[in-house]
Amino acid sequence: MPKPVQGPRLRRTSPIIWLGAIICAILAVAVFIAGLVVFVGYLVIRPKVPQISVTTAKLDTIYFDETSLLTVQVTIVIKAENDNAKAHASFYGTNFALSFHGVKMAYLVAEPFDISKNSSKEFNYVVQSSPIPLEPEYAEIVNRSLRENVITFELKGNTKTRWRVGLLGSIKFWLHLNCQLHLPVNRTQIFPHCSSRSK
């Protein structure tokens, strides 16, 4: 007598799989809600990245002799700004180098500092270089600059900034400064348009 044909057995889903699916669904909802909160917080607060800039610069003295030794004193004012109306900002690791055609002449540094909401702070650097021996090609550039009454320096460096914005948490950024300072030899003060937002 032929045996009756039996259909495939239905397997029950393991409770462990159900538990895993529930946990994944909860995590997905939590991530979605967190993203929504961050997005709404951003739209409400509109956080702005703090910035640094060179407000003024001036060549105080320059000494260049027949042995191709260059010595300068430069005054540079650097401003740190925090345009956030609802968060104060911290700056740290501030370090800039003043150089002449790649030859480092002096360093400008600052200890960590804070800036209140919607405020700024200026740093007045009087940079005195030690005598720098120049290669003949750079010595010729200095001689030409003296004849033209303008000498160019580079100011490069960066600082780190951190600020807390409500539910968005702590936000960190590197701020970079890369300036060409065309300084008149006659000690005229210039106002460079150079900031970390220039790019």
Protein backbone atom coordinates (compact mmCIF):
# COMPACT_ATOMS: atom_id res chain seq x y z
CA MET A 1 0.00 0.00 0.00
CA PRO A 2 1.52 3.37 -0.94
CA LYS A 3 2.49 5.75 1.90
CA PRO A 4 0.75 9.12 1.98
CA VAL A 5 2.87 11.98 0.69
CA GLN A 6 3.72 14.49 3.46
CA GLY A 7 4.30 18.19 2.77
CA PRO A 8 7.46 20.03 3.95
CA ARG A 9 7.61 20.75 7.64
CA LEU A 10 7.35 24.39 8.65
CA ARG A 11 10.29 25.37 10.86
CA ARG A 12 9.67 27.76 13.65
CA THR A 13 11.90 30.83 13.79
CA SER A 14 14.30 30.57 16.67
CA PRO A 15 13.65 32.98 19.59
CA ILE A 16 17.28 34.09 19.33
CA ILE A 17 16.74 35.29 15.75
CA TRP A 18 13.60 37.16 16.82
CA LEU A 19 15.52 38.77 19.66
CA GLY A 20 18.31 39.80 17.29
CA ALA A 21 15.80 41.30 14.84
CA ILE A 22 14.10 43.30 17.62
CA ILE A 23 17.45 44.65 18.88
CA CYS A 24 18.45 45.68 15.33
CA ALA A 25 15.12 47.44 14.83
CA ILE A 26 15.52 49.32 18.14
CA LEU A 27 19.07 50.36 17.19
CA ALA A 28 17.91 51.56 13.76
CA VAL A 29 15.16 53.68 15.33
CA ALA A 30 17.62 55.09 17.91
CA VAL A 31 20.14 56.05 15.18
CA PHE A 32 17.36 57.68 13.14
CA ILE A 33 16.15 59.71 16.14
CA ALA A 34 19.72 60.77 17.03
CA GLY A 35 20.33 61.89 13.45
CA LEU A 36 17.07 63.82 13.44
CA VAL A 37 17.98 65.56 16.72
CA VAL A 38 21.42 66.54 15.37
CA PHE A 39 19.91 67.82 12.11
CA VAL A 40 17.23 69.89 13.89
CA GLY A 41 19.85 71.18 16.35
CA TYR A 42 22.05 72.27 13.46
CA LEU A 43 19.17 74.10 11.78
CA VAL A 44 18.25 75.86 15.02
CA ILE A 45 21.74 76.79 16.25
CA ARG A 46 23.54 77.21 12.89
CA PRO A 47 27.05 76.70 14.32
CA LYS A 48 29.87 78.64 12.65
CA VAL A 49 33.50 77.58 12.47
CA PRO A 50 35.70 80.03 14.42
CA GLN A 51 38.41 81.73 12.38
CA ILE A 52 41.84 83.32 12.63
CA SER A 53 43.12 86.19 10.51
CA VAL A 54 45.97 88.67 10.17
CA THR A 55 44.56 92.13 10.83
CA THR A 56 47.73 94.24 10.49
CA ALA A 57 51.43 93.78 9.80
CA LYS A 58 54.40 96.12 9.71
CA LEU A 59 58.14 95.85 9.08
CA ASP A 60 59.72 97.70 12.01
CA THR A 61 63.39 97.27 11.13
CA ILE A 62 65.48 95.45 8.56
CA TYR A 63 69.23 94.99 8.59
CA PHE A 64 71.09 93.41 5.67
CA ASP A 65 74.85 93.63 5.38
CA GLU A 66 77.54 92.69 2.89
CA THR A 67 77.96 89.26 4.50
CA SER A 68 74.35 88.45 3.48
CA LEU A 69 73.07 88.34 7.05
CA LEU A 70 69.41 89.33 7.26
CA THR A 71 67.83 90.54 10.51
CA VAL A 72 64.29 91.87 10.77
CA GLN A 73 61.74 92.93 13.32
CA VAL A 74 58.10 92.58 12.29
CA THR A 75 54.91 93.43 14.15
CA ILE A 76 51.97 91.17 13.32
CA VAL A 77 48.49 91.31 14.85
CA ILE A 78 46.52 88.06 14.64
CA LYS A 79 42.83 87.94 15.53
CA ALA A 80 40.91 84.86 16.69
CA GLU A 81 37.13 85.13 16.24
CA ASN A 82 34.16 83.16 17.52
CA ASP A 83 30.98 84.13 15.65
CA ASN A 84 28.81 81.62 17.50
CA ALA A 85 26.11 83.33 19.54
CA LYS A 86 25.40 80.24 21.63
CA ALA A 87 28.80 78.62 22.25
CA HIS A 88 32.22 79.68 23.48
CA ALA A 89 35.29 78.37 21.64
CA SER A 90 38.66 77.05 22.82
CA PHE A 91 41.85 77.47 20.79
CA TYR A 92 44.96 75.37 21.37
CA GLY A 93 48.10 74.21 19.58
CA THR A 94 48.52 77.66 18.02
CA ASN A 95 51.78 77.82 16.07
CA PHE A 96 52.81 79.99 13.10
CA ALA A 97 56.14 80.39 11.31
CA LEU A 98 57.40 83.57 9.66
CA SER A 99 59.74 82.84 6.78
CA PHE A 100 61.47 84.51 3.87
CA HIS A 101 61.24 82.40 0.69
CA GLY A 102 61.13 79.21 2.76
CA VAL A 103 63.88 80.27 5.21
CA LYS A 104 62.32 80.17 8.70
CA MET A 105 62.99 83.39 10.62
CA ALA A 106 60.78 83.19 13.72
CA TYR A 107 57.86 81.34 15.31
CA LEU A 108 54.65 82.82 16.72
CA VAL A 109 52.97 80.69 19.37
CA ALA A 110 50.16 81.13 21.88
CA GLU A 111 49.12 79.23 24.99
CA PRO A 112 45.62 77.67 24.92
CA PHE A 113 42.90 80.31 25.25
CA ASP A 114 39.10 80.63 25.23
CA ILE A 115 36.88 83.11 23.41
CA SER A 116 33.38 83.91 24.65
CA LYS A 117 30.25 83.71 22.53
CA ASN A 118 30.18 86.17 19.65
CA SER A 119 33.55 87.66 20.60
CA SER A 120 37.16 87.93 19.43
CA LYS A 121 40.69 88.29 20.77
CA GLU A 122 43.80 89.90 19.25
CA PHE A 123 47.42 88.88 19.72
CA ASN A 124 50.13 91.46 19.09
CA TYR A 125 53.35 89.70 18.05
CA VAL A 126 56.60 91.67 17.85
CA VAL A 127 58.84 89.23 16.01
CA GLN A 128 62.60 89.76 16.29
CA SER A 129 64.61 87.37 14.14
CA SER A 130 68.16 86.32 14.82
CA PRO A 131 70.66 87.06 11.99
CA ILE A 132 69.91 84.67 9.12
CA PRO A 133 72.68 83.87 6.61
CA LEU A 134 71.24 83.85 3.08
CA GLU A 135 72.33 82.02 -0.03
CA PRO A 136 73.42 84.31 -2.91
CA GLU A 137 70.09 83.89 -4.77
CA TYR A 138 68.10 84.94 -1.70
CA ALA A 139 70.52 87.77 -0.99
CA GLU A 140 69.80 89.08 -4.48
CA ILE A 141 66.06 88.90 -3.78
CA VAL A 142 66.60 91.02 -0.65
CA ASN A 143 68.63 93.57 -2.61
CA ARG A 144 65.92 93.78 -5.26
CA SER A 145 63.21 94.08 -2.58
CA LEU A 146 65.09 96.94 -0.91
CA ARG A 147 65.31 98.74 -4.24
CA GLU A 148 61.56 98.25 -4.76
CA ASN A 149 60.84 99.22 -1.12
CA VAL A 150 58.71 96.11 -0.48
CA ILE A 151 59.85 92.79 0.99
CA THR A 152 57.67 89.69 1.07
CA PHE A 153 57.40 87.24 3.95
CA GLU A 154 55.29 84.12 4.38
CA LEU A 155 53.26 83.42 7.50
CA LYS A 156 52.10 79.82 7.72
CA GLY A 157 50.71 77.73 10.53
CA ASN A 158 47.61 76.46 12.21
CA THR A 159 45.64 76.23 15.40
CA LYS A 160 43.05 73.78 16.66
CA THR A 161 39.66 74.89 17.87
CA ARG A 162 36.96 73.17 19.86
CA TRP A 163 33.50 74.36 20.82
CA ARG A 164 30.41 72.74 22.31
CA VAL A 165 27.11 73.34 20.56
CA GLY A 166 24.07 72.18 22.56
CA LEU A 167 22.95 68.65 21.73
CA LEU A 168 25.41 68.49 18.85
CA GLY A 169 28.21 67.92 21.34
CA SER A 170 31.83 68.99 21.03
CA ILE A 171 33.03 70.01 17.55
CA LYS A 172 36.74 70.22 16.62
CA PHE A 173 38.45 71.83 13.63
CA TRP A 174 41.93 72.62 12.36
CA LEU A 175 42.29 76.24 11.24
CA HIS A 176 45.07 76.91 8.72
CA LEU A 177 46.71 80.23 7.89
CA ASN A 178 48.82 80.77 4.77
CA CYS A 179 49.61 84.45 4.14
CA GLN A 180 51.88 86.43 1.87
CA LEU A 181 52.88 89.61 3.69
CA HIS A 182 54.13 92.32 1.31
CA LEU A 183 55.68 94.72 3.82
CA PRO A 184 56.86 98.20 2.79
CA VAL A 185 60.41 98.95 3.87
CA ASN A 186 59.34 102.44 5.05
CA ARG A 187 57.45 100.91 8.05
CA THR A 188 54.00 101.50 6.61
CA GLN A 189 51.36 99.33 8.27
CA ILE A 190 49.41 97.02 5.96
CA PHE A 191 46.04 95.31 6.39
CA PRO A 192 46.28 91.89 4.73
CA HIS A 193 43.09 90.14 3.60
CA CYS A 194 44.23 86.80 4.92
CA SER A 195 42.27 84.43 7.13
CA SER A 196 41.52 80.77 7.68
CA ARG A 197 38.32 81.30 5.63
CA SER A 198 40.16 82.68 2.60
CA LYS A 199 40.07 79.32 0.78
